[in-house]
Amino acid sequence: MSNKNVINLNRARKSRARTEKAAQGAENAVKFGRTKDQRALERRLDGKAKTQLDGHKIGDAPETPDT
């Protein structure tokens, strides 16, 4: 009887689980992920909105001492 095909079942099980999880992650990235251009557009729009909002900001109220 040859011992060439003896494998650690725990290691094989964990390896298969890692492979399946990586495949599921890749599938989810395609399904739900955003492209680099989409992320850049969102950052640009967020920056523009923040700049516009800051431009309409009324100055801070003057501090009054508590009496």
Protein backbone atom coordinates (compact mmCIF):
# COMPACT_ATOMS: atom_id res chain seq x y z
CA MET A 1 0.00 0.00 0.00
CA SER A 2 1.44 3.33 -1.06
CA ASN A 3 1.26 6.45 1.14
CA LYS A 4 1.53 8.91 -1.75
CA ASN A 5 -2.12 9.94 -1.59
CA VAL A 6 -2.40 10.53 2.14
CA ILE A 7 -3.68 14.05 2.81
CA ASN A 8 -4.69 15.97 5.88
CA LEU A 9 -8.48 16.22 5.64
CA ASN A 10 -8.67 19.35 7.81
CA ARG A 11 -6.18 21.11 5.57
CA ALA A 12 -8.03 20.01 2.42
CA ARG A 13 -11.38 21.13 3.85
CA LYS A 14 -10.04 24.55 4.86
CA SER A 15 -8.31 24.98 1.52
CA ARG A 16 -11.52 24.21 -0.35
CA ALA A 17 -13.46 26.65 1.89
CA ARG A 18 -10.89 29.41 1.20
CA THR A 19 -11.15 28.81 -2.54
CA GLU A 20 -14.95 28.92 -2.44
CA LYS A 21 -14.91 32.08 -0.32
CA ALA A 22 -12.50 33.78 -2.74
CA ALA A 23 -14.72 32.84 -5.67
CA GLN A 24 -17.78 34.22 -3.86
CA GLY A 25 -15.88 37.44 -3.10
CA ALA A 26 -14.88 37.86 -6.73
CA GLU A 27 -18.48 37.30 -7.80
CA ASN A 28 -19.73 39.88 -5.29
CA ALA A 29 -17.11 42.39 -6.41
CA VAL A 30 -18.43 42.16 -9.96
CA LYS A 31 -22.04 42.22 -8.83
CA PHE A 32 -21.90 45.02 -6.24
CA GLY A 33 -18.56 46.75 -6.78
CA ARG A 34 -18.00 50.14 -8.35
CA THR A 35 -15.48 51.08 -10.97
CA LYS A 36 -12.60 53.43 -10.30
CA ASP A 37 -14.33 56.11 -12.40
CA GLN A 38 -17.52 55.82 -10.36
CA ARG A 39 -15.60 56.24 -7.09
CA ALA A 40 -13.71 59.25 -8.48
CA LEU A 41 -16.95 60.86 -9.65
CA GLU A 42 -18.52 60.40 -6.22
CA ARG A 43 -15.48 61.94 -4.49
CA ARG A 44 -15.56 64.88 -6.90
CA LEU A 45 -19.30 65.46 -6.35
CA ASP A 46 -18.89 65.18 -2.56
CA GLY A 47 -16.09 67.74 -2.64
CA LYS A 48 -18.15 70.10 -4.79
CA ALA A 49 -21.16 69.79 -2.46
CA LYS A 50 -18.99 70.43 0.60
CA THR A 51 -17.41 73.49 -1.03
CA GLN A 52 -20.82 74.85 -1.98
CA LEU A 53 -22.21 74.22 1.51
CA ASP A 54 -19.20 75.89 3.15
CA GLY A 55 -19.68 78.89 0.84
CA HIS A 56 -23.21 79.43 2.15
CA LYS A 57 -22.17 79.11 5.78
CA ILE A 58 -23.03 81.99 8.07
CA GLY A 59 -20.19 82.94 10.40
CA ASP A 60 -20.01 81.59 13.93
CA ALA A 61 -22.08 83.37 16.55
CA PRO A 62 -20.02 85.59 18.85
CA GLU A 63 -19.33 84.06 22.22
CA THR A 64 -21.06 85.72 25.15
CA PRO A 65 -19.85 85.29 28.69
CA ASP A 66 -22.18 83.37 30.98
CA THR A 67 -23.55 85.65 33.71
